[in-house]
Amino acid sequence: MNAKAIRRNLYKVLRKTGVPKNRISEEASLRDELFVDELDMNCFLFYLETRFDVAIQNEELPQLTSVKSTIDYLQKHCA
């Protein structure tokens, strides 16, 4: 999957999680700027794993701190 498709699908996942469209940018922090709390994070991970067909391990969760870090993670794990 190319970077553009990953970005587009990630934005769709964020929208499904309830993040307003105008808040989403690559630089946005999931917790501080997009206000993703613990419950939202569980929904986000479910939609992310479903849409991208990946299994994110608990020890990998700290890597997903921003939109950009999530894109980078997906580029490594979605071949």
N, C-alpha and C. Protein backbone atom coordinates (compact mmCIF):
# COMPACT_ATOMS: atom_id res chain seq x y z
N MET A 1 0.86 -1.17 0.00
CA MET A 1 0.00 0.00 0.00
C MET A 1 0.91 1.24 0.00
N ASN A 2 0.62 2.18 -0.88
CA ASN A 2 1.46 3.37 -0.96
C ASN A 2 1.11 4.39 0.13
N ALA A 3 1.97 5.38 0.29
CA ALA A 3 1.82 6.36 1.37
C ALA A 3 0.51 7.15 1.26
N LYS A 4 0.11 7.47 0.05
CA LYS A 4 -1.13 8.23 -0.15
C LYS A 4 -2.35 7.42 0.29
N ALA A 5 -2.37 6.15 -0.07
CA ALA A 5 -3.49 5.27 0.32
C ALA A 5 -3.51 5.05 1.83
N ILE A 6 -2.34 4.91 2.43
CA ILE A 6 -2.26 4.76 3.88
C ILE A 6 -2.81 6.01 4.56
N ARG A 7 -2.39 7.16 4.12
CA ARG A 7 -2.85 8.43 4.70
C ARG A 7 -4.36 8.58 4.56
N ARG A 8 -4.88 8.31 3.39
CA ARG A 8 -6.31 8.44 3.13
C ARG A 8 -7.12 7.49 4.03
N ASN A 9 -6.69 6.26 4.12
CA ASN A 9 -7.39 5.28 4.95
C ASN A 9 -7.24 5.58 6.44
N LEU A 10 -6.09 6.08 6.85
CA LEU A 10 -5.90 6.46 8.25
C LEU A 10 -6.83 7.61 8.61
N TYR A 11 -6.98 8.58 7.73
CA TYR A 11 -7.89 9.69 7.98
C TYR A 11 -9.33 9.19 8.12
N LYS A 12 -9.70 8.18 7.31
CA LYS A 12 -11.04 7.59 7.42
C LYS A 12 -11.22 6.91 8.78
N VAL A 13 -10.18 6.23 9.24
CA VAL A 13 -10.23 5.59 10.56
C VAL A 13 -10.40 6.64 11.65
N LEU A 14 -9.65 7.72 11.56
CA LEU A 14 -9.76 8.79 12.56
C LEU A 14 -11.15 9.40 12.56
N ARG A 15 -11.73 9.59 11.40
CA ARG A 15 -13.09 10.14 11.30
C ARG A 15 -14.09 9.18 11.94
N LYS A 16 -13.92 7.87 11.71
CA LYS A 16 -14.81 6.87 12.32
C LYS A 16 -14.70 6.89 13.84
N THR A 17 -13.53 7.24 14.33
CA THR A 17 -13.29 7.29 15.77
C THR A 17 -13.91 8.55 16.38
N GLY A 18 -14.31 9.49 15.54
CA GLY A 18 -14.96 10.70 16.04
C GLY A 18 -14.11 11.95 16.00
N VAL A 19 -12.96 11.89 15.36
CA VAL A 19 -12.09 13.05 15.27
C VAL A 19 -12.63 13.98 14.17
N PRO A 20 -12.83 15.27 14.49
CA PRO A 20 -13.31 16.21 13.47
C PRO A 20 -12.31 16.34 12.32
N LYS A 21 -12.83 16.43 11.13
CA LYS A 21 -12.01 16.49 9.92
C LYS A 21 -10.99 17.62 9.95
N ASN A 22 -11.40 18.79 10.47
CA ASN A 22 -10.51 19.95 10.44
C ASN A 22 -9.36 19.85 11.44
N ARG A 23 -9.38 18.89 12.35
CA ARG A 23 -8.30 18.72 13.33
C ARG A 23 -7.21 17.77 12.83
N ILE A 24 -7.51 16.99 11.80
CA ILE A 24 -6.57 15.96 11.35
C ILE A 24 -5.48 16.59 10.49
N SER A 25 -4.24 16.39 10.92
CA SER A 25 -3.06 16.75 10.13
C SER A 25 -1.95 15.79 10.50
N GLU A 26 -0.93 15.71 9.67
CA GLU A 26 0.15 14.75 9.94
C GLU A 26 0.89 15.07 11.23
N GLU A 27 0.95 16.33 11.60
CA GLU A 27 1.69 16.74 12.78
C GLU A 27 0.90 16.56 14.07
N ALA A 28 -0.39 16.27 13.97
CA ALA A 28 -1.27 16.22 15.15
C ALA A 28 -0.94 15.05 16.07
N SER A 29 -0.87 15.35 17.35
CA SER A 29 -0.69 14.34 18.38
C SER A 29 -2.04 13.69 18.64
N LEU A 30 -2.06 12.37 18.76
CA LEU A 30 -3.33 11.68 18.98
C LEU A 30 -3.97 12.10 20.29
N ARG A 31 -3.22 12.17 21.36
CA ARG A 31 -3.79 12.48 22.67
C ARG A 31 -3.98 13.98 22.90
N ASP A 32 -2.99 14.78 22.59
CA ASP A 32 -3.03 16.20 22.93
C ASP A 32 -3.85 17.05 21.97
N GLU A 33 -3.76 16.78 20.69
CA GLU A 33 -4.46 17.63 19.71
C GLU A 33 -5.74 17.01 19.17
N LEU A 34 -5.78 15.68 19.09
CA LEU A 34 -6.98 15.02 18.59
C LEU A 34 -7.85 14.49 19.72
N PHE A 35 -7.36 14.63 20.96
CA PHE A 35 -8.11 14.26 22.16
C PHE A 35 -8.57 12.80 22.15
N VAL A 36 -7.69 11.91 21.72
CA VAL A 36 -7.98 10.48 21.71
C VAL A 36 -7.69 9.95 23.12
N ASP A 37 -8.74 9.59 23.84
CA ASP A 37 -8.56 9.04 25.18
C ASP A 37 -8.44 7.52 25.10
N GLU A 38 -8.42 6.87 26.25
CA GLU A 38 -8.22 5.41 26.31
C GLU A 38 -9.30 4.65 25.53
N LEU A 39 -10.55 5.03 25.71
CA LEU A 39 -11.65 4.36 25.00
C LEU A 39 -11.57 4.62 23.50
N ASP A 40 -11.31 5.87 23.12
CA ASP A 40 -11.15 6.19 21.70
C ASP A 40 -9.98 5.42 21.09
N MET A 41 -8.92 5.24 21.88
CA MET A 41 -7.74 4.53 21.39
C MET A 41 -8.09 3.07 21.09
N ASN A 42 -8.93 2.46 21.92
CA ASN A 42 -9.36 1.08 21.65
C ASN A 42 -10.15 1.00 20.35
N CYS A 43 -11.06 1.93 20.15
CA CYS A 43 -11.83 1.98 18.89
C CYS A 43 -10.90 2.24 17.71
N PHE A 44 -9.99 3.19 17.89
CA PHE A 44 -9.02 3.54 16.85
C PHE A 44 -8.21 2.30 16.44
N LEU A 45 -7.72 1.56 17.43
CA LEU A 45 -6.91 0.37 17.13
C LEU A 45 -7.74 -0.71 16.43
N PHE A 46 -8.99 -0.88 16.85
CA PHE A 46 -9.86 -1.86 16.20
C PHE A 46 -10.05 -1.50 14.72
N TYR A 47 -10.42 -0.25 14.47
CA TYR A 47 -10.63 0.18 13.08
C TYR A 47 -9.33 0.13 12.27
N LEU A 48 -8.23 0.48 12.91
CA LEU A 48 -6.93 0.47 12.24
C LEU A 48 -6.55 -0.96 11.84
N GLU A 49 -6.68 -1.90 12.78
CA GLU A 49 -6.34 -3.29 12.48
C GLU A 49 -7.26 -3.88 11.42
N THR A 50 -8.53 -3.50 11.45
CA THR A 50 -9.49 -4.00 10.48
C THR A 50 -9.22 -3.44 9.09
N ARG A 51 -9.06 -2.14 8.99
CA ARG A 51 -8.89 -1.49 7.69
C ARG A 51 -7.57 -1.88 7.03
N PHE A 52 -6.50 -1.99 7.83
CA PHE A 52 -5.17 -2.25 7.27
C PHE A 52 -4.74 -3.71 7.38
N ASP A 53 -5.59 -4.55 7.99
CA ASP A 53 -5.29 -5.97 8.14
C ASP A 53 -3.92 -6.19 8.79
N VAL A 54 -3.73 -5.50 9.93
CA VAL A 54 -2.51 -5.67 10.72
C VAL A 54 -2.90 -6.03 12.15
N ALA A 55 -1.98 -6.64 12.85
CA ALA A 55 -2.18 -6.94 14.27
C ALA A 55 -1.16 -6.13 15.05
N ILE A 56 -1.63 -5.16 15.79
CA ILE A 56 -0.74 -4.28 16.54
C ILE A 56 -0.58 -4.86 17.95
N GLN A 57 0.65 -5.16 18.31
CA GLN A 57 0.96 -5.74 19.61
C GLN A 57 0.98 -4.65 20.69
N ASN A 58 0.68 -5.03 21.91
CA ASN A 58 0.65 -4.06 23.02
C ASN A 58 1.97 -3.32 23.19
N GLU A 59 3.08 -4.00 22.98
CA GLU A 59 4.38 -3.35 23.15
C GLU A 59 4.67 -2.34 22.03
N GLU A 60 3.91 -2.38 20.94
CA GLU A 60 4.09 -1.44 19.84
C GLU A 60 3.23 -0.18 20.00
N LEU A 61 2.29 -0.20 20.91
CA LEU A 61 1.38 0.93 21.10
C LEU A 61 2.07 2.25 21.41
N PRO A 62 3.13 2.27 22.22
CA PRO A 62 3.78 3.56 22.49
C PRO A 62 4.35 4.24 21.25
N GLN A 63 4.53 3.51 20.17
CA GLN A 63 5.02 4.09 18.91
C GLN A 63 3.95 4.96 18.25
N LEU A 64 2.68 4.72 18.54
CA LEU A 64 1.58 5.42 17.88
C LEU A 64 1.18 6.64 18.71
N THR A 65 1.93 7.71 18.57
CA THR A 65 1.67 8.92 19.36
C THR A 65 1.09 10.06 18.53
N SER A 66 1.28 10.00 17.22
CA SER A 66 0.79 11.06 16.35
C SER A 66 0.32 10.46 15.04
N VAL A 67 -0.28 11.29 14.23
CA VAL A 67 -0.73 10.83 12.91
C VAL A 67 0.49 10.39 12.09
N LYS A 68 1.56 11.17 12.14
CA LYS A 68 2.77 10.86 11.38
C LYS A 68 3.40 9.55 11.84
N SER A 69 3.48 9.33 13.16
CA SER A 69 4.08 8.09 13.65
C SER A 69 3.22 6.88 13.28
N THR A 70 1.91 7.07 13.22
CA THR A 70 1.02 5.98 12.80
C THR A 70 1.20 5.67 11.32
N ILE A 71 1.35 6.70 10.51
CA ILE A 71 1.64 6.50 9.07
C ILE A 71 2.94 5.75 8.90
N ASP A 72 3.98 6.16 9.62
CA ASP A 72 5.29 5.50 9.54
C ASP A 72 5.18 4.03 9.95
N TYR A 73 4.44 3.76 11.02
CA TYR A 73 4.25 2.39 11.49
C TYR A 73 3.55 1.56 10.41
N LEU A 74 2.50 2.11 9.83
CA LEU A 74 1.74 1.38 8.81
C LEU A 74 2.56 1.13 7.55
N GLN A 75 3.42 2.09 7.19
CA GLN A 75 4.27 1.89 6.02
C GLN A 75 5.24 0.73 6.23
N LYS A 76 5.68 0.53 7.46
CA LYS A 76 6.60 -0.58 7.76
C LYS A 76 5.87 -1.93 7.80
N HIS A 77 4.59 -1.92 8.24
CA HIS A 77 3.89 -3.18 8.48
C HIS A 77 2.84 -3.54 7.43
N CYS A 78 2.58 -2.67 6.50
CA CYS A 78 1.62 -2.96 5.42
C CYS A 78 2.39 -2.97 4.11
N ALA A 79 2.80 -4.13 3.70
CA ALA A 79 3.60 -4.23 2.49
C ALA A 79 2.75 -4.33 1.25
